[in-house]
N, C-alpha and C. Protein backbone atom coordinates (compact mmCIF):
# COMPACT_ATOMS: atom_id res chain seq x y z
N MET A 1 -12.70 -33.72 0.84
CA MET A 1 -12.72 -32.26 1.01
C MET A 1 -14.21 -31.82 0.85
N GLY A 2 -14.68 -30.99 1.74
CA GLY A 2 -16.04 -30.52 1.71
C GLY A 2 -16.31 -29.54 0.57
N VAL A 3 -17.55 -29.43 0.21
CA VAL A 3 -17.95 -28.53 -0.87
C VAL A 3 -17.59 -27.09 -0.54
N ARG A 4 -17.78 -26.69 0.68
CA ARG A 4 -17.52 -25.29 1.08
C ARG A 4 -16.02 -24.98 0.92
N LYS A 5 -15.16 -25.91 1.31
CA LYS A 5 -13.71 -25.67 1.20
C LYS A 5 -13.30 -25.66 -0.29
N GLU A 6 -13.88 -26.55 -1.07
CA GLU A 6 -13.57 -26.57 -2.51
C GLU A 6 -13.98 -25.23 -3.15
N GLU A 7 -15.11 -24.75 -2.76
CA GLU A 7 -15.58 -23.45 -3.28
C GLU A 7 -14.66 -22.30 -2.85
N MET A 8 -14.19 -22.35 -1.63
CA MET A 8 -13.26 -21.32 -1.13
C MET A 8 -11.96 -21.38 -1.86
N LEU A 9 -11.42 -22.57 -2.07
CA LEU A 9 -10.15 -22.69 -2.81
C LEU A 9 -10.30 -22.22 -4.23
N PHE A 10 -11.41 -22.57 -4.88
CA PHE A 10 -11.69 -22.11 -6.23
C PHE A 10 -11.72 -20.60 -6.29
N PHE A 11 -12.48 -20.04 -5.35
CA PHE A 11 -12.63 -18.54 -5.31
C PHE A 11 -11.27 -17.86 -5.11
N LEU A 12 -10.48 -18.36 -4.20
CA LEU A 12 -9.17 -17.75 -3.93
C LEU A 12 -8.24 -17.88 -5.12
N ARG A 13 -8.22 -19.06 -5.75
CA ARG A 13 -7.38 -19.25 -6.94
C ARG A 13 -7.80 -18.33 -8.10
N GLN A 14 -9.10 -18.19 -8.28
CA GLN A 14 -9.60 -17.30 -9.34
C GLN A 14 -9.26 -15.83 -9.03
N SER A 15 -9.32 -15.50 -7.75
CA SER A 15 -9.02 -14.12 -7.35
C SER A 15 -7.56 -13.73 -7.65
N LEU A 16 -6.68 -14.72 -7.59
CA LEU A 16 -5.26 -14.46 -7.90
C LEU A 16 -5.05 -14.06 -9.36
N ASP A 17 -5.80 -14.68 -10.24
CA ASP A 17 -5.61 -14.44 -11.67
C ASP A 17 -6.52 -13.34 -12.25
N LEU A 18 -7.57 -12.99 -11.50
CA LEU A 18 -8.57 -12.05 -12.01
C LEU A 18 -7.99 -10.64 -12.13
N LYS A 19 -8.24 -10.03 -13.26
CA LYS A 19 -7.92 -8.63 -13.46
C LYS A 19 -9.19 -7.94 -14.02
N LEU A 20 -9.64 -6.97 -13.29
CA LEU A 20 -10.86 -6.27 -13.65
C LEU A 20 -10.63 -5.17 -14.67
N GLN A 21 -11.71 -4.82 -15.38
CA GLN A 21 -11.67 -3.63 -16.23
C GLN A 21 -11.63 -2.41 -15.34
N HIS A 22 -10.97 -1.36 -15.83
CA HIS A 22 -10.86 -0.13 -15.09
C HIS A 22 -12.25 0.43 -14.74
N ASP A 23 -12.44 0.82 -13.51
CA ASP A 23 -13.66 1.45 -13.02
C ASP A 23 -14.90 0.54 -13.05
N ILE A 24 -14.70 -0.78 -13.02
CA ILE A 24 -15.86 -1.69 -13.04
C ILE A 24 -16.55 -1.76 -11.68
N LEU A 25 -15.76 -1.58 -10.59
CA LEU A 25 -16.38 -1.54 -9.24
C LEU A 25 -16.84 -0.09 -8.97
N LEU A 26 -18.09 0.00 -8.60
CA LEU A 26 -18.65 1.32 -8.32
C LEU A 26 -18.34 1.75 -6.92
N CYS A 27 -18.06 3.01 -6.72
CA CYS A 27 -17.77 3.57 -5.38
C CYS A 27 -18.91 4.47 -4.97
N LYS A 28 -18.99 4.66 -3.67
CA LYS A 28 -20.00 5.59 -3.14
C LYS A 28 -19.57 7.02 -3.54
N GLU A 29 -20.53 7.90 -3.59
CA GLU A 29 -20.23 9.29 -3.98
C GLU A 29 -19.18 9.92 -3.09
N GLU A 30 -19.21 9.62 -1.77
CA GLU A 30 -18.22 10.24 -0.87
C GLU A 30 -16.80 9.66 -1.08
N ASP A 31 -16.68 8.55 -1.80
CA ASP A 31 -15.37 7.97 -2.09
C ASP A 31 -14.71 8.54 -3.34
N LYS A 32 -15.44 9.33 -4.07
CA LYS A 32 -14.92 9.91 -5.31
C LYS A 32 -13.68 10.75 -5.02
N GLY A 33 -12.62 10.49 -5.78
CA GLY A 33 -11.39 11.22 -5.62
C GLY A 33 -10.50 10.81 -4.45
N THR A 34 -10.86 9.73 -3.81
CA THR A 34 -10.08 9.24 -2.67
C THR A 34 -9.17 8.07 -3.07
N ALA A 35 -8.28 7.71 -2.14
CA ALA A 35 -7.41 6.56 -2.37
C ALA A 35 -8.24 5.30 -2.53
N ARG A 36 -9.34 5.21 -1.76
CA ARG A 36 -10.22 4.04 -1.89
C ARG A 36 -10.73 3.89 -3.29
N GLN A 37 -11.18 4.97 -3.91
CA GLN A 37 -11.67 4.90 -5.27
C GLN A 37 -10.56 4.47 -6.21
N LEU A 38 -9.38 5.02 -6.03
CA LEU A 38 -8.26 4.69 -6.89
C LEU A 38 -7.96 3.19 -6.78
N LEU A 39 -7.92 2.65 -5.57
CA LEU A 39 -7.63 1.23 -5.38
C LEU A 39 -8.72 0.35 -5.98
N LEU A 40 -9.96 0.70 -5.75
CA LEU A 40 -11.07 -0.12 -6.22
C LEU A 40 -11.23 -0.02 -7.75
N SER A 41 -10.75 1.01 -8.36
CA SER A 41 -10.94 1.21 -9.80
C SER A 41 -9.88 0.47 -10.65
N GLY A 42 -8.86 -0.03 -9.98
CA GLY A 42 -7.79 -0.73 -10.70
C GLY A 42 -8.08 -2.18 -11.01
N PRO A 43 -7.11 -2.83 -11.69
CA PRO A 43 -7.32 -4.20 -12.13
C PRO A 43 -7.42 -5.21 -10.98
N ARG A 44 -6.91 -4.84 -9.81
CA ARG A 44 -6.97 -5.72 -8.63
C ARG A 44 -7.88 -5.18 -7.56
N GLY A 45 -8.89 -4.37 -7.99
CA GLY A 45 -9.81 -3.76 -7.07
C GLY A 45 -10.57 -4.74 -6.19
N HIS A 46 -10.82 -5.93 -6.71
CA HIS A 46 -11.53 -6.94 -5.94
C HIS A 46 -10.73 -7.35 -4.71
N LEU A 47 -9.42 -7.35 -4.82
CA LEU A 47 -8.59 -7.72 -3.64
C LEU A 47 -8.64 -6.67 -2.58
N PHE A 48 -8.69 -5.41 -2.99
CA PHE A 48 -8.83 -4.32 -2.00
C PHE A 48 -10.21 -4.29 -1.40
N TYR A 49 -11.21 -4.61 -2.18
CA TYR A 49 -12.58 -4.70 -1.65
C TYR A 49 -12.67 -5.80 -0.60
N LEU A 50 -12.00 -6.93 -0.86
CA LEU A 50 -12.06 -8.09 0.04
C LEU A 50 -11.00 -8.07 1.12
N TYR A 51 -10.16 -7.05 1.16
CA TYR A 51 -9.04 -6.97 2.07
C TYR A 51 -9.41 -7.26 3.54
N PRO A 52 -10.42 -6.61 4.09
CA PRO A 52 -10.77 -6.91 5.52
C PRO A 52 -11.17 -8.36 5.72
N THR A 53 -11.88 -8.92 4.79
CA THR A 53 -12.31 -10.32 4.91
C THR A 53 -11.10 -11.25 4.80
N LEU A 54 -10.20 -10.97 3.84
CA LEU A 54 -9.00 -11.77 3.71
C LEU A 54 -8.13 -11.74 4.99
N CYS A 55 -8.06 -10.57 5.60
CA CYS A 55 -7.30 -10.45 6.83
C CYS A 55 -7.90 -11.29 7.93
N ARG A 56 -9.22 -11.29 8.02
CA ARG A 56 -9.89 -12.14 9.06
C ARG A 56 -9.68 -13.61 8.78
N MET A 57 -9.64 -14.02 7.50
CA MET A 57 -9.50 -15.40 7.14
C MET A 57 -8.10 -15.95 7.32
N ILE A 58 -7.10 -15.10 7.45
CA ILE A 58 -5.71 -15.53 7.50
C ILE A 58 -5.45 -16.44 8.70
N THR A 59 -6.30 -16.45 9.70
CA THR A 59 -6.15 -17.23 10.89
C THR A 59 -6.72 -18.65 10.72
N CYS A 60 -7.18 -18.96 9.55
CA CYS A 60 -7.74 -20.29 9.24
C CYS A 60 -6.69 -21.37 9.54
N ASP A 61 -7.13 -22.55 9.93
CA ASP A 61 -6.23 -23.64 10.23
C ASP A 61 -5.70 -24.41 9.02
N ASP A 62 -6.29 -24.17 7.85
CA ASP A 62 -5.92 -24.88 6.65
C ASP A 62 -4.72 -24.20 5.96
N PRO A 63 -3.61 -24.86 5.84
CA PRO A 63 -2.41 -24.24 5.26
C PRO A 63 -2.58 -23.86 3.78
N THR A 64 -3.40 -24.60 3.06
CA THR A 64 -3.66 -24.27 1.64
C THR A 64 -4.42 -22.97 1.53
N VAL A 65 -5.46 -22.84 2.34
CA VAL A 65 -6.28 -21.62 2.34
C VAL A 65 -5.40 -20.42 2.75
N VAL A 66 -4.66 -20.60 3.82
CA VAL A 66 -3.79 -19.52 4.33
C VAL A 66 -2.76 -19.09 3.26
N GLY A 67 -2.21 -20.07 2.53
CA GLY A 67 -1.25 -19.76 1.51
C GLY A 67 -1.86 -18.95 0.38
N LEU A 68 -3.08 -19.32 -0.03
CA LEU A 68 -3.78 -18.57 -1.09
C LEU A 68 -4.15 -17.18 -0.63
N ILE A 69 -4.58 -17.05 0.61
CA ILE A 69 -4.90 -15.72 1.16
C ILE A 69 -3.66 -14.85 1.21
N ARG A 70 -2.55 -15.43 1.64
CA ARG A 70 -1.28 -14.71 1.70
C ARG A 70 -0.90 -14.21 0.30
N ASP A 71 -1.09 -15.07 -0.70
CA ASP A 71 -0.77 -14.68 -2.09
C ASP A 71 -1.68 -13.53 -2.53
N CYS A 72 -2.96 -13.58 -2.18
CA CYS A 72 -3.88 -12.49 -2.54
C CYS A 72 -3.42 -11.18 -1.89
N LEU A 73 -3.08 -11.27 -0.61
CA LEU A 73 -2.64 -10.02 0.10
C LEU A 73 -1.32 -9.52 -0.48
N GLN A 74 -0.44 -10.42 -0.85
CA GLN A 74 0.84 -10.00 -1.42
C GLN A 74 0.62 -9.29 -2.77
N ILE A 75 -0.29 -9.84 -3.58
CA ILE A 75 -0.58 -9.17 -4.86
C ILE A 75 -1.18 -7.79 -4.63
N ALA A 76 -2.05 -7.68 -3.66
CA ALA A 76 -2.62 -6.35 -3.33
C ALA A 76 -1.52 -5.40 -2.92
N GLY A 77 -0.60 -5.87 -2.08
CA GLY A 77 0.53 -5.05 -1.66
C GLY A 77 1.41 -4.62 -2.81
N THR A 78 1.65 -5.52 -3.72
CA THR A 78 2.45 -5.23 -4.90
C THR A 78 1.79 -4.16 -5.75
N GLU A 79 0.47 -4.21 -5.85
CA GLU A 79 -0.28 -3.21 -6.61
C GLU A 79 -0.07 -1.79 -6.10
N ILE A 80 0.17 -1.67 -4.79
CA ILE A 80 0.39 -0.32 -4.26
C ILE A 80 1.87 -0.06 -3.96
N GLY A 81 2.72 -0.90 -4.52
CA GLY A 81 4.17 -0.65 -4.42
C GLY A 81 4.81 -1.13 -3.12
N LEU A 82 4.18 -2.04 -2.44
CA LEU A 82 4.72 -2.50 -1.16
C LEU A 82 5.38 -3.88 -1.22
N GLY A 83 5.80 -4.26 -2.38
CA GLY A 83 6.47 -5.54 -2.49
C GLY A 83 6.97 -5.77 -3.91
N SER A 84 7.69 -6.83 -4.04
CA SER A 84 8.18 -7.20 -5.36
C SER A 84 7.10 -7.91 -6.12
N SER A 85 7.17 -7.88 -7.39
CA SER A 85 6.21 -8.55 -8.25
C SER A 85 6.50 -10.04 -8.31
N LEU A 86 5.69 -10.82 -7.63
CA LEU A 86 5.88 -12.26 -7.59
C LEU A 86 4.65 -12.93 -8.19
N SER A 87 4.91 -14.01 -8.89
CA SER A 87 3.73 -14.80 -9.34
C SER A 87 3.25 -15.59 -8.13
N PRO A 88 1.94 -15.80 -7.99
CA PRO A 88 1.38 -16.45 -6.84
C PRO A 88 2.00 -17.81 -6.57
N SER A 89 2.27 -18.60 -7.61
CA SER A 89 2.79 -19.94 -7.42
C SER A 89 4.22 -19.95 -6.89
N SER A 90 4.94 -18.90 -7.12
CA SER A 90 6.34 -18.88 -6.69
C SER A 90 6.56 -18.02 -5.44
N SER A 91 5.50 -17.43 -4.90
CA SER A 91 5.70 -16.46 -3.84
C SER A 91 6.31 -17.03 -2.61
N SER A 92 5.90 -18.23 -2.19
CA SER A 92 6.45 -18.80 -0.96
C SER A 92 7.95 -19.03 -1.05
N SER A 93 8.41 -19.63 -2.13
CA SER A 93 9.82 -19.89 -2.26
C SER A 93 10.60 -18.60 -2.49
N SER A 94 10.03 -17.64 -3.24
CA SER A 94 10.69 -16.40 -3.49
C SER A 94 10.82 -15.57 -2.23
N ILE A 95 9.80 -15.58 -1.37
CA ILE A 95 9.87 -14.84 -0.11
C ILE A 95 10.98 -15.42 0.75
N LYS A 96 11.10 -16.78 0.82
CA LYS A 96 12.13 -17.40 1.60
C LYS A 96 13.52 -16.97 1.10
N HIS A 97 13.68 -16.90 -0.23
CA HIS A 97 14.96 -16.47 -0.81
C HIS A 97 15.25 -15.00 -0.49
N GLN A 98 14.21 -14.17 -0.51
CA GLN A 98 14.41 -12.75 -0.20
C GLN A 98 14.81 -12.59 1.24
N LEU A 99 14.22 -13.36 2.15
CA LEU A 99 14.58 -13.28 3.54
C LEU A 99 16.01 -13.75 3.80
N VAL A 100 16.43 -14.77 3.08
CA VAL A 100 17.79 -15.28 3.23
C VAL A 100 18.78 -14.21 2.73
N ASP A 101 18.41 -13.51 1.65
CA ASP A 101 19.29 -12.47 1.10
C ASP A 101 19.46 -11.28 2.05
N LEU A 102 18.50 -11.07 2.96
CA LEU A 102 18.59 -9.93 3.87
C LEU A 102 19.73 -10.20 4.80
């Protein structure tokens, strides 16, 4: 495995567990009082900051990287109430069970 891939996997795994202090990410003055500021000021603000990049990376050919990106996006969605609260390690199997239950 190349150094770059190892670094990417490390970064994505750390991003899943990372919880920031409130208001640690600074926003532009024009973002004050907006949904963007609210999202970036929360404990998972880093995932919302990286959201466009994560979306572009989802087309990667590596299934491990894609799985970690999917978990990051799912956690971001859960933060805004768009999904159930799943732990990253169980998300793939839990999603399959949820789809079967539908």
